[in-house]
């Protein structure tokens, strides 16, 4: 069985980041580039194994974020920083723009306030639309759309390459990743934190709780109590075959409510079309089960927005959990204990805000490390439809997954290096292997042979059953 991390490693760090979701990865990058010795502690076998594994992959502008909120500030800064770093890290961007659409008279009445909020939030390039104008931009829209407005700065990205890129840059500049390293306890002694983990003991000057769905529990392990409560919110999604992607160029957004941004219809960076998510409160923090009736309702709603969608096949369905709390706001504080910062309640906007959150937390920490003068900038392999893919280059070793055109060279690369895949799910997020139309029916056997003995969570059990 693979062990992704070396047996011998440092045990003393400047910063320990708990949680390797997209926010944890961004934090690791920011503090490493600020000159700190960073360790990332993840209890799962791979990174992005919690809330960050499932989202709609939209780079938001913050046009509808709560005015004057920390969330808005982080989204705005994160949006700008993503544009600043994406080319150097090899991160894709599909410049789609979004359309907020009203389907009822009540929703139409809410549009002026929402547009005013967008302008107040600094997103001033919005364009009001009549129903006719909306259908001129998107001819496949239902003729039931009444009005709306366009937000040019909303775009589509690859949600996994972004986080992987942030963490890979941290690792390339000296950070350490420890997986299967659940933090069991922390004690502050003589100005340092002494951490007990399932992968061994270590010390750090600063601990950052970015544990997502378990953020309140980690709070209690360090401070004895938590000032917020995670209330998992499940989102179910339907992914249509790549033939459906041509039905819309824009991200199609509903008029949001106080609870949720609502059901979105949009392309993905991988050439599919997505409908979702739902917003369902639950107690279970580990399992996001799928419900047939809910998925059928999503498909019905998708076809109400884009009638031609009814004639397209579904490739996949999935569900994820968002770490919502009893309040809508981000739960970020640095005054709960010495050398401890809690970064909790990062809900559906975490992907867009991650780089902004990291910059904010670095400022909160008053990080005094020397900024790296010439940091390494690793480049992520492209797995999106935006740009050249590995199968188009010679010497790739053959196609492993024909649905998604994943090469043997891509799989081998994902199984190596400081952030080697630790599970099939992690390998999927790095390469999209088994994520196409056949959902691994044709390639899983060959992939299992290729990965045998190389994953912390192997594809095949004892006896290769």
Protein backbone atom coordinates (compact mmCIF):
# COMPACT_ATOMS: atom_id res chain seq x y z
CA UNK A 1 0.00 0.00 0.00
CA UNK A 2 1.21 3.47 -0.84
CA UNK A 3 2.34 5.84 1.88
CA UNK A 4 2.18 9.31 0.39
CA UNK A 5 4.25 10.96 3.08
CA UNK A 6 7.82 10.06 4.10
CA UNK A 7 8.46 8.15 7.31
CA UNK A 8 10.90 10.80 8.54
CA UNK A 9 9.78 14.40 8.52
CA UNK A 10 10.10 17.54 10.66
CA UNK A 11 7.90 17.74 13.73
CA UNK A 12 8.25 21.46 14.44
CA UNK A 13 6.49 24.07 12.30
CA UNK A 14 5.55 27.71 12.24
CA UNK A 15 2.02 27.02 11.00
CA UNK A 16 -0.20 23.93 11.11
CA UNK A 17 -3.22 24.05 8.81
CA UNK A 18 -5.94 21.57 9.75
CA UNK A 19 -7.91 20.47 6.70
CA UNK A 20 -6.87 20.06 3.06
CA UNK A 21 -9.98 21.42 1.39
CA UNK A 22 -9.73 24.31 -1.03
CA UNK A 23 -9.45 26.85 1.83
CA UNK A 24 -6.79 24.80 3.62
CA UNK A 25 -4.82 24.47 0.39
CA UNK A 26 -5.00 28.22 -0.20
CA UNK A 27 -3.91 28.89 3.40
CA UNK A 28 -0.94 26.56 3.03
CA UNK A 29 0.13 28.39 -0.11
CA UNK A 30 -0.25 31.87 1.38
CA UNK A 31 1.71 31.13 4.55
CA UNK A 32 4.42 29.22 2.70
CA UNK A 33 4.93 32.09 0.27
CA UNK A 34 5.08 34.40 3.28
CA UNK A 35 8.11 32.43 4.48
CA UNK A 36 6.53 30.16 7.11
CA UNK A 37 7.30 26.48 7.68
CA UNK A 38 3.87 24.94 7.06
CA UNK A 39 2.34 21.53 7.64
CA UNK A 40 -1.10 20.58 6.32
CA UNK A 41 -2.96 17.97 8.38
CA UNK A 42 -5.71 16.02 6.62
CA UNK A 43 -7.56 13.13 8.25
CA UNK A 44 -8.64 11.53 4.95
CA UNK A 45 -6.52 9.50 2.55
CA UNK A 46 -6.52 12.36 0.07
CA UNK A 47 -7.00 16.09 -0.20
CA UNK A 48 -10.37 17.66 -1.14
CA UNK A 49 -12.14 14.68 0.39
CA UNK A 50 -14.70 16.73 2.36
CA UNK A 51 -16.89 19.64 1.31
CA UNK A 52 -14.49 20.66 -1.46
CA UNK A 53 -15.01 17.49 -3.48
CA UNK A 54 -18.44 18.55 -4.79
CA UNK A 55 -19.49 22.01 -5.96
CA UNK A 56 -20.74 23.88 -9.01
CA UNK A 57 -17.25 25.17 -9.96
CA UNK A 58 -18.22 28.80 -10.50
CA UNK A 59 -15.80 31.68 -9.90
CA UNK A 60 -18.16 34.20 -8.31
CA UNK A 61 -17.82 37.97 -8.35
CA UNK A 62 -19.69 38.53 -5.07
CA UNK A 63 -22.49 40.47 -6.74
CA UNK A 64 -25.08 38.92 -4.42
CA UNK A 65 -22.96 38.47 -1.27
CA UNK A 66 -24.12 40.21 1.94
CA UNK A 67 -23.15 43.87 1.64
CA UNK A 68 -20.19 44.94 3.77
CA UNK A 69 -19.51 41.35 4.87
CA UNK A 70 -16.21 39.55 5.27
CA UNK A 71 -17.53 37.03 2.75
CA UNK A 72 -17.90 39.75 0.13
CA UNK A 73 -14.40 41.09 0.80
CA UNK A 74 -12.88 37.60 0.51
CA UNK A 75 -14.79 36.75 -2.66
CA UNK A 76 -13.73 40.01 -4.31
CA UNK A 77 -10.09 39.53 -3.34
CA UNK A 78 -10.18 35.83 -4.20
CA UNK A 79 -11.69 36.52 -7.63
CA UNK A 80 -8.94 39.04 -8.39
CA UNK A 81 -6.15 36.79 -7.10
CA UNK A 82 -7.38 33.82 -9.14
CA UNK A 83 -7.07 35.92 -12.29
CA UNK A 84 -3.63 37.04 -11.12
CA UNK A 85 -2.15 33.57 -10.54
CA UNK A 86 -4.09 31.23 -12.83
CA UNK A 87 -1.83 31.39 -15.88
CA UNK A 88 1.34 30.81 -13.86
CA UNK A 89 -0.24 27.81 -12.13
CA UNK A 90 -1.89 26.49 -15.29
CA UNK A 91 -5.45 26.87 -13.99
CA UNK A 92 -8.29 27.05 -16.55
CA UNK A 93 -10.90 29.75 -16.88
CA UNK A 94 -14.00 29.53 -19.08
CA UNK A 95 -15.17 33.11 -19.62
CA UNK A 96 -18.90 32.52 -19.69
CA UNK A 97 -20.62 35.29 -17.76
CA UNK A 98 -23.83 34.64 -15.85
CA UNK A 99 -27.46 35.57 -16.29
CA UNK A 100 -29.76 36.00 -13.28
CA UNK A 101 -33.21 35.08 -14.56
CA UNK A 102 -36.65 35.86 -13.17
CA UNK A 103 -39.47 33.44 -13.96
CA UNK A 104 -42.31 34.93 -11.88
CA UNK A 105 -43.66 38.42 -11.27
CA UNK A 106 -42.50 38.17 -7.64
CA UNK A 107 -38.94 37.45 -8.80
CA UNK A 108 -39.09 40.33 -11.27
CA UNK A 109 -39.97 42.67 -8.40
CA UNK A 110 -36.81 41.55 -6.57
CA UNK A 111 -34.47 42.25 -9.48
CA UNK A 112 -33.97 46.02 -8.89
CA UNK A 113 -32.84 45.45 -5.29
CA UNK A 114 -30.52 42.68 -6.39
CA UNK A 115 -28.98 44.84 -9.11
CA UNK A 116 -28.57 47.69 -6.63
CA UNK A 117 -26.85 45.29 -4.25
CA UNK A 118 -24.50 44.21 -7.05
CA UNK A 119 -23.50 47.82 -7.73
CA UNK A 120 -23.03 48.48 -4.01
CA UNK A 121 -20.83 45.36 -3.85
CA UNK A 122 -18.55 46.80 -6.52
CA UNK A 123 -19.85 44.68 -9.41
CA UNK A 124 -20.99 47.54 -11.60
CA UNK A 125 -20.79 46.06 -15.11
CA UNK A 126 -24.16 44.31 -14.89
CA UNK A 127 -26.59 44.58 -17.81
CA UNK A 128 -30.41 44.57 -17.35
CA UNK A 129 -32.27 42.20 -19.67
CA UNK A 130 -35.82 41.81 -20.84
CA UNK A 131 -37.06 38.31 -21.50
CA UNK A 132 -36.60 38.88 -25.22
CA UNK A 133 -33.03 40.10 -24.72
CA UNK A 134 -32.22 37.11 -22.53
CA UNK A 135 -33.49 34.71 -25.21
CA UNK A 136 -31.48 36.58 -27.85
CA UNK A 137 -28.34 35.82 -25.86
CA UNK A 138 -29.41 32.25 -25.09
CA UNK A 139 -31.85 31.00 -27.78
CA UNK A 140 -32.49 27.69 -25.99
CA UNK A 141 -34.02 29.44 -22.97
CA UNK A 142 -37.67 28.79 -22.25
CA UNK A 143 -40.01 31.52 -23.46
CA UNK A 144 -41.30 31.66 -19.88
CA UNK A 145 -38.36 33.79 -18.77
CA UNK A 146 -39.61 37.29 -17.99
CA UNK A 147 -36.53 39.38 -17.23
CA UNK A 148 -33.08 39.30 -15.68
CA UNK A 149 -29.62 40.79 -15.78
CA UNK A 150 -26.19 39.72 -16.96
CA UNK A 151 -23.06 39.52 -14.77
CA UNK A 152 -20.09 39.37 -17.17
CA UNK A 153 -17.46 38.58 -14.51
CA UNK A 154 -18.90 35.23 -13.36
CA UNK A 155 -16.88 32.38 -14.90
CA UNK A 156 -16.39 28.63 -14.84
CA UNK A 157 -13.26 26.97 -13.47
CA UNK A 158 -11.94 23.51 -12.64
CA UNK A 159 -12.64 23.26 -8.89
CA UNK A 160 -10.08 20.57 -8.20
CA UNK A 161 -7.12 21.85 -10.23
CA UNK A 162 -7.42 25.17 -8.40
CA UNK A 163 -7.02 23.64 -4.94
CA UNK A 164 -4.42 21.14 -6.14
CA UNK A 165 -2.45 23.99 -7.68
CA UNK A 166 -2.49 26.02 -4.47
CA UNK A 167 -1.28 23.07 -2.40
CA UNK A 168 1.26 21.93 -4.96
CA UNK A 169 2.86 25.36 -4.93
CA UNK A 170 3.03 25.23 -1.14
CA UNK A 171 4.68 21.80 -1.27
CA UNK A 172 7.10 22.89 -4.00
CA UNK A 173 8.24 25.71 -1.71
CA UNK A 174 8.77 23.63 1.41
CA UNK A 175 5.39 22.86 2.98
CA UNK A 176 4.60 19.33 4.15
CA UNK A 177 1.36 17.40 3.65
CA UNK A 178 0.32 14.75 6.18
CA UNK A 179 -2.66 12.63 5.18
CA UNK A 180 -4.51 10.17 7.39
CA UNK A 181 -3.46 12.56 10.15
CA UNK A 182 -6.56 13.41 12.17
CA UNK A 183 -5.87 15.98 14.89
CA UNK A 184 -6.98 14.46 18.18
CA UNK A 185 -5.97 17.18 20.63
CA UNK A 186 -3.97 20.36 21.02
CA UNK A 187 -2.32 21.85 24.11
CA UNK A 188 -0.74 25.29 24.29
CA UNK A 189 2.47 25.11 26.34
CA UNK A 190 5.20 27.76 26.60
CA UNK A 191 3.92 29.67 23.59
CA UNK A 192 3.59 26.67 21.26
CA UNK A 193 0.89 24.23 20.31
CA UNK A 194 1.57 20.55 20.92
CA UNK A 195 -0.63 18.51 18.62
CA UNK A 196 -1.53 14.85 18.91
CA UNK A 197 -2.51 13.31 15.56
CA UNK A 198 -3.14 9.81 14.27
CA UNK A 199 0.11 10.17 12.29
CA UNK A 200 2.24 11.29 15.25
CA UNK A 201 2.95 14.31 17.43
CA UNK A 202 4.13 17.71 16.25
CA UNK A 203 4.38 21.31 17.41
CA UNK A 204 3.48 24.62 15.80
CA UNK A 205 3.46 28.29 16.72
CA UNK A 206 0.17 28.91 14.93
CA UNK A 207 -2.72 26.52 14.32
CA UNK A 208 -5.37 27.31 11.70
CA UNK A 209 -8.63 25.40 11.86
CA UNK A 210 -9.86 24.94 8.29
CA UNK A 211 -11.59 21.64 9.02
CA UNK A 212 -14.77 22.43 7.11
CA UNK A 213 -17.56 20.06 8.11
CA UNK A 214 -15.72 19.31 11.36
CA UNK A 215 -14.69 22.88 12.17
CA UNK A 216 -16.75 23.15 15.35
CA UNK A 217 -15.40 19.83 16.64
CA UNK A 218 -11.81 20.92 16.02
CA UNK A 219 -12.66 24.17 17.83
CA UNK A 220 -13.61 22.15 20.90
CA UNK A 221 -10.42 20.11 20.74
CA UNK A 222 -8.36 23.28 20.97
CA UNK A 223 -10.44 25.66 23.07
CA UNK A 224 -12.80 23.38 24.99
CA UNK A 225 -15.88 24.80 23.29
CA UNK A 226 -17.11 26.04 19.93
CA UNK A 227 -18.70 29.38 19.16
CA UNK A 228 -20.61 28.00 16.18
CA UNK A 229 -22.32 24.77 15.12
CA UNK A 230 -21.92 23.10 11.76
CA UNK A 231 -25.28 22.37 10.15
CA UNK A 232 -24.48 20.29 7.06
CA UNK A 233 -26.35 21.36 3.95
CA UNK A 234 -26.59 18.77 1.21
CA UNK A 235 -26.54 19.68 -2.45
CA UNK A 236 -27.48 17.17 -5.12
CA UNK A 237 -26.42 17.62 -8.75
CA UNK A 238 -27.26 16.15 -12.14
CA UNK A 239 -24.54 16.09 -14.83
CA UNK A 240 -25.63 15.75 -18.46
CA UNK A 241 -23.65 14.31 -21.35
CA UNK A 242 -21.26 16.56 -23.26
CA UNK A 243 -23.76 16.91 -26.09
CA UNK A 244 -25.86 19.12 -23.79
CA UNK A 245 -23.13 21.69 -23.18
CA UNK A 246 -24.03 23.59 -26.33
CA UNK A 247 -27.45 24.49 -24.95
CA UNK A 248 -26.09 27.48 -23.02
CA UNK A 249 -22.99 29.61 -23.03
CA UNK A 250 -23.86 31.45 -19.82
CA UNK A 251 -24.20 30.34 -16.23
CA UNK A 252 -27.97 30.47 -15.68
CA UNK A 253 -28.76 31.60 -12.15
CA UNK A 254 -32.10 31.95 -10.37
CA UNK A 255 -33.04 34.93 -8.24
CA UNK A 256 -31.45 33.86 -4.93
CA UNK A 257 -33.31 33.44 -1.66
CA UNK A 258 -32.20 34.07 1.91
CA UNK A 259 -31.25 30.39 2.25
CA UNK A 260 -29.59 29.50 -1.03
CA UNK A 261 -28.35 30.71 -4.38
CA UNK A 262 -30.77 28.18 -5.84
CA UNK A 263 -30.59 25.73 -8.72
CA UNK A 264 -28.02 26.65 -11.35
CA UNK A 265 -27.75 25.44 -14.94
CA UNK A 266 -24.32 25.80 -16.48
CA UNK A 267 -21.62 24.15 -18.50
CA UNK A 268 -18.63 22.66 -16.71
CA UNK A 269 -14.96 23.18 -17.45
CA UNK A 270 -14.95 19.54 -18.58
CA UNK A 271 -17.53 19.94 -21.35
CA UNK A 272 -20.67 18.68 -19.61
CA UNK A 273 -23.78 20.52 -18.46
CA UNK A 274 -24.70 20.65 -14.77
CA UNK A 275 -28.00 21.25 -12.95
CA UNK A 276 -27.99 21.84 -9.19
CA UNK A 277 -27.50 22.06 -6.32
CA UNK A 278 -30.34 21.50 -3.92
CA UNK A 279 -30.13 22.89 -0.37
CA UNK A 280 -31.13 20.23 2.15
CA UNK A 281 -30.39 20.45 5.86
CA UNK A 282 -29.22 17.25 7.57
CA UNK A 283 -27.35 16.04 10.65
CA UNK A 284 -24.99 13.53 9.03
CA UNK A 285 -21.60 15.11 8.25
CA UNK A 286 -20.13 12.18 6.36
CA UNK A 287 -22.75 10.88 3.94
CA UNK A 288 -24.47 12.80 1.16
CA UNK A 289 -27.01 10.33 -0.16
CA UNK A 290 -28.82 10.68 -3.45
CA UNK A 291 -32.60 10.76 -3.66
CA UNK A 292 -34.31 9.71 -6.87
CA UNK A 293 -37.30 12.04 -6.51
CA UNK A 294 -35.05 15.01 -5.79
CA UNK A 295 -32.88 14.23 -8.82
CA UNK A 296 -35.98 13.90 -10.98
CA UNK A 297 -37.13 17.30 -9.71
CA UNK A 298 -33.75 18.77 -10.68
CA UNK A 299 -34.05 17.28 -14.15
CA UNK A 300 -37.56 18.68 -14.47
CA UNK A 301 -36.39 22.12 -13.39
CA UNK A 302 -33.48 21.97 -15.83
CA UNK A 303 -35.86 21.18 -18.67
CA UNK A 304 -38.14 24.05 -17.62
CA UNK A 305 -35.19 26.42 -18.04
CA UNK A 306 -33.75 24.78 -21.18
CA UNK A 307 -36.57 22.72 -22.79
CA UNK A 308 -34.16 20.94 -25.17
CA UNK A 309 -32.38 19.47 -22.15
CA UNK A 310 -35.14 16.89 -21.85
CA UNK A 311 -33.71 15.13 -24.90
CA UNK A 312 -30.21 14.69 -23.48
CA UNK A 313 -28.78 11.83 -21.46
CA UNK A 314 -27.57 12.09 -17.87
CA UNK A 315 -23.93 11.08 -17.41
CA UNK A 316 -23.71 11.20 -13.62
CA UNK A 317 -25.38 12.31 -10.42
CA UNK A 318 -23.59 13.30 -7.25
CA UNK A 319 -24.09 15.02 -3.93
CA UNK A 320 -21.93 17.05 -1.57
CA UNK A 321 -22.16 18.70 1.83
CA UNK A 322 -21.54 22.36 2.58
CA UNK A 323 -20.38 23.41 6.09
CA UNK A 324 -23.19 25.84 6.80
CA UNK A 325 -23.71 27.15 10.32
CA UNK A 326 -26.54 28.78 12.25
CA UNK A 327 -25.52 32.10 10.65
CA UNK A 328 -24.92 32.92 7.00
CA UNK A 329 -21.63 34.72 7.63
CA UNK A 330 -18.11 33.26 7.53
CA UNK A 331 -16.95 32.29 11.03
CA UNK A 332 -13.35 33.54 11.14
CA UNK A 333 -11.76 34.58 14.45
CA UNK A 334 -8.26 34.92 15.86
CA UNK A 335 -9.15 35.74 19.49
CA UNK A 336 -10.32 32.34 20.77
CA UNK A 337 -6.94 31.13 22.02
CA UNK A 338 -3.29 32.19 21.70
CA UNK A 339 -1.80 31.19 18.36
CA UNK A 340 -5.10 29.81 17.04
CA UNK A 341 -7.28 31.01 14.16
CA UNK A 342 -10.64 29.48 13.34
CA UNK A 343 -11.74 29.58 9.69
CA UNK A 344 -15.23 28.12 9.77
CA UNK A 345 -18.62 28.35 8.08
CA UNK A 346 -17.17 28.67 4.59
CA UNK A 347 -20.18 27.62 2.57
CA UNK A 348 -20.78 27.50 -1.17
CA UNK A 349 -18.55 30.48 -1.98
CA UNK A 350 -15.38 28.90 -0.58
CA UNK A 351 -13.93 28.07 -3.99
CA UNK A 352 -14.22 31.68 -5.17
CA UNK A 353 -13.10 33.17 -1.87
CA UNK A 354 -10.28 30.75 -0.97
CA UNK A 355 -7.35 32.94 -2.03
CA UNK A 356 -9.01 35.98 -0.46
CA UNK A 357 -9.65 34.09 2.79
CA UNK A 358 -6.01 33.03 2.87
CA UNK A 359 -4.80 36.60 2.36
CA UNK A 360 -7.14 37.80 5.12
CA UNK A 361 -5.90 35.16 7.57
CA UNK A 362 -2.26 35.95 6.81
CA UNK A 363 -3.03 39.56 7.73
CA UNK A 364 -4.86 38.43 10.88
CA UNK A 365 -1.81 36.41 11.90
CA UNK A 366 0.52 39.34 11.35
CA UNK A 367 2.84 36.90 9.62
CA UNK A 368 6.36 38.26 9.97
CA UNK A 369 8.19 35.66 7.92
CA UNK A 370 10.34 36.81 5.02
CA UNK A 371 8.37 36.70 1.77
CA UNK A 372 9.97 34.21 -0.62
CA UNK A 373 11.97 36.18 -3.15
CA UNK A 374 11.77 33.65 -6.00
CA UNK A 375 9.10 31.03 -5.28
CA UNK A 376 8.63 27.94 -7.43
CA UNK A 377 5.55 28.07 -9.66
CA UNK A 378 4.54 24.52 -10.61
CA UNK A 379 2.10 24.20 -13.49
CA UNK A 380 -0.98 22.02 -13.23
CA UNK A 381 -1.74 19.61 -16.07
CA UNK A 382 -4.81 20.66 -18.03
CA UNK A 383 -7.82 18.35 -17.73
CA UNK A 384 -10.44 20.86 -18.89
CA UNK A 385 -11.75 21.46 -22.40
CA UNK A 386 -10.00 24.84 -22.29
CA UNK A 387 -6.59 24.21 -23.83
CA UNK A 388 -4.51 21.29 -25.07
CA UNK A 389 -4.88 17.88 -23.43
CA UNK A 390 -2.18 15.26 -22.89
CA UNK A 391 -3.69 12.84 -25.44
CA UNK A 392 -2.82 15.36 -28.13
CA UNK A 393 0.91 15.01 -27.40
CA UNK A 394 3.12 12.11 -28.45
CA UNK A 395 4.39 9.48 -26.03
CA UNK A 396 1.39 9.46 -23.70
CA UNK A 397 1.39 5.66 -23.32
CA UNK A 398 -2.11 5.08 -24.61
CA UNK A 399 -5.62 6.04 -23.56
CA UNK A 400 -6.76 4.58 -20.22
CA UNK A 401 -10.21 6.21 -20.07
CA UNK A 402 -11.71 6.77 -23.53
CA UNK A 403 -14.77 8.71 -22.35
CA UNK A 404 -12.60 11.46 -20.85
CA UNK A 405 -9.49 10.82 -23.00
CA UNK A 406 -7.25 10.24 -20.00
CA UNK A 407 -3.80 8.90 -20.86
CA UNK A 408 -1.59 6.45 -19.02
CA UNK A 409 0.99 9.23 -18.65
CA UNK A 410 -1.57 11.40 -16.86
CA UNK A 411 -2.48 8.58 -14.47
CA UNK A 412 1.18 7.78 -13.78
CA UNK A 413 1.90 11.46 -13.07
CA UNK A 414 -1.06 11.66 -10.68
CA UNK A 415 0.26 8.64 -8.76
CA UNK A 416 3.67 10.28 -8.19
CA UNK A 417 5.11 13.35 -6.53
CA UNK A 418 4.49 15.11 -3.22
CA UNK A 419 0.73 15.17 -3.73
CA UNK A 420 0.26 11.70 -5.22
CA UNK A 421 -3.34 10.48 -5.36
CA UNK A 422 -4.25 8.45 -2.30
CA UNK A 423 -7.59 7.06 -3.47
CA UNK A 424 -9.59 6.46 -6.62
CA UNK A 425 -11.64 9.56 -5.80
CA UNK A 426 -8.42 11.57 -5.61
CA UNK A 427 -7.23 10.10 -8.90
CA UNK A 428 -10.54 11.08 -10.50
CA UNK A 429 -10.16 14.66 -9.32
CA UNK A 430 -6.63 14.84 -10.74
CA UNK A 431 -7.35 13.23 -14.13
CA UNK A 432 -11.16 12.68 -14.57
CA UNK A 433 -10.54 8.99 -15.14
CA UNK A 434 -13.83 6.96 -14.87
CA UNK A 435 -15.88 10.18 -14.79
CA UNK A 436 -17.22 10.03 -18.34
CA UNK A 437 -20.30 8.55 -19.97
CA UNK A 438 -19.59 4.93 -18.98
CA UNK A 439 -18.65 5.90 -15.39
CA UNK A 440 -15.70 3.50 -15.38
CA UNK A 441 -17.51 0.46 -16.81
CA UNK A 442 -14.87 -0.12 -19.47
CA UNK A 443 -11.71 1.22 -17.85
CA UNK A 444 -11.98 0.28 -14.16
CA UNK A 445 -10.40 -3.17 -14.51
CA UNK A 446 -7.34 -1.84 -16.32
CA UNK A 447 -7.12 1.10 -13.95
CA UNK A 448 -7.22 -1.23 -10.95
CA UNK A 449 -4.24 -3.16 -12.32
CA UNK A 450 -2.38 0.06 -13.03
CA UNK A 451 -2.95 1.43 -9.51
CA UNK A 452 -2.49 -1.83 -7.58
CA UNK A 453 -0.33 -1.24 -4.50
CA UNK A 454 -0.11 2.48 -5.20
CA UNK A 455 -3.19 3.88 -3.45
CA UNK A 456 -3.71 4.24 0.29
CA UNK A 457 -7.28 3.16 -0.45
CA UNK A 458 -6.88 0.47 -3.15
CA UNK A 459 -9.47 -0.08 -5.84
CA UNK A 460 -9.33 -3.85 -5.38
CA UNK A 461 -9.83 -5.65 -2.07
CA UNK A 462 -8.23 -8.91 -0.91
CA UNK A 463 -8.47 -11.57 -3.58
CA UNK A 464 -9.22 -8.91 -6.24
CA UNK A 465 -12.96 -9.41 -5.90
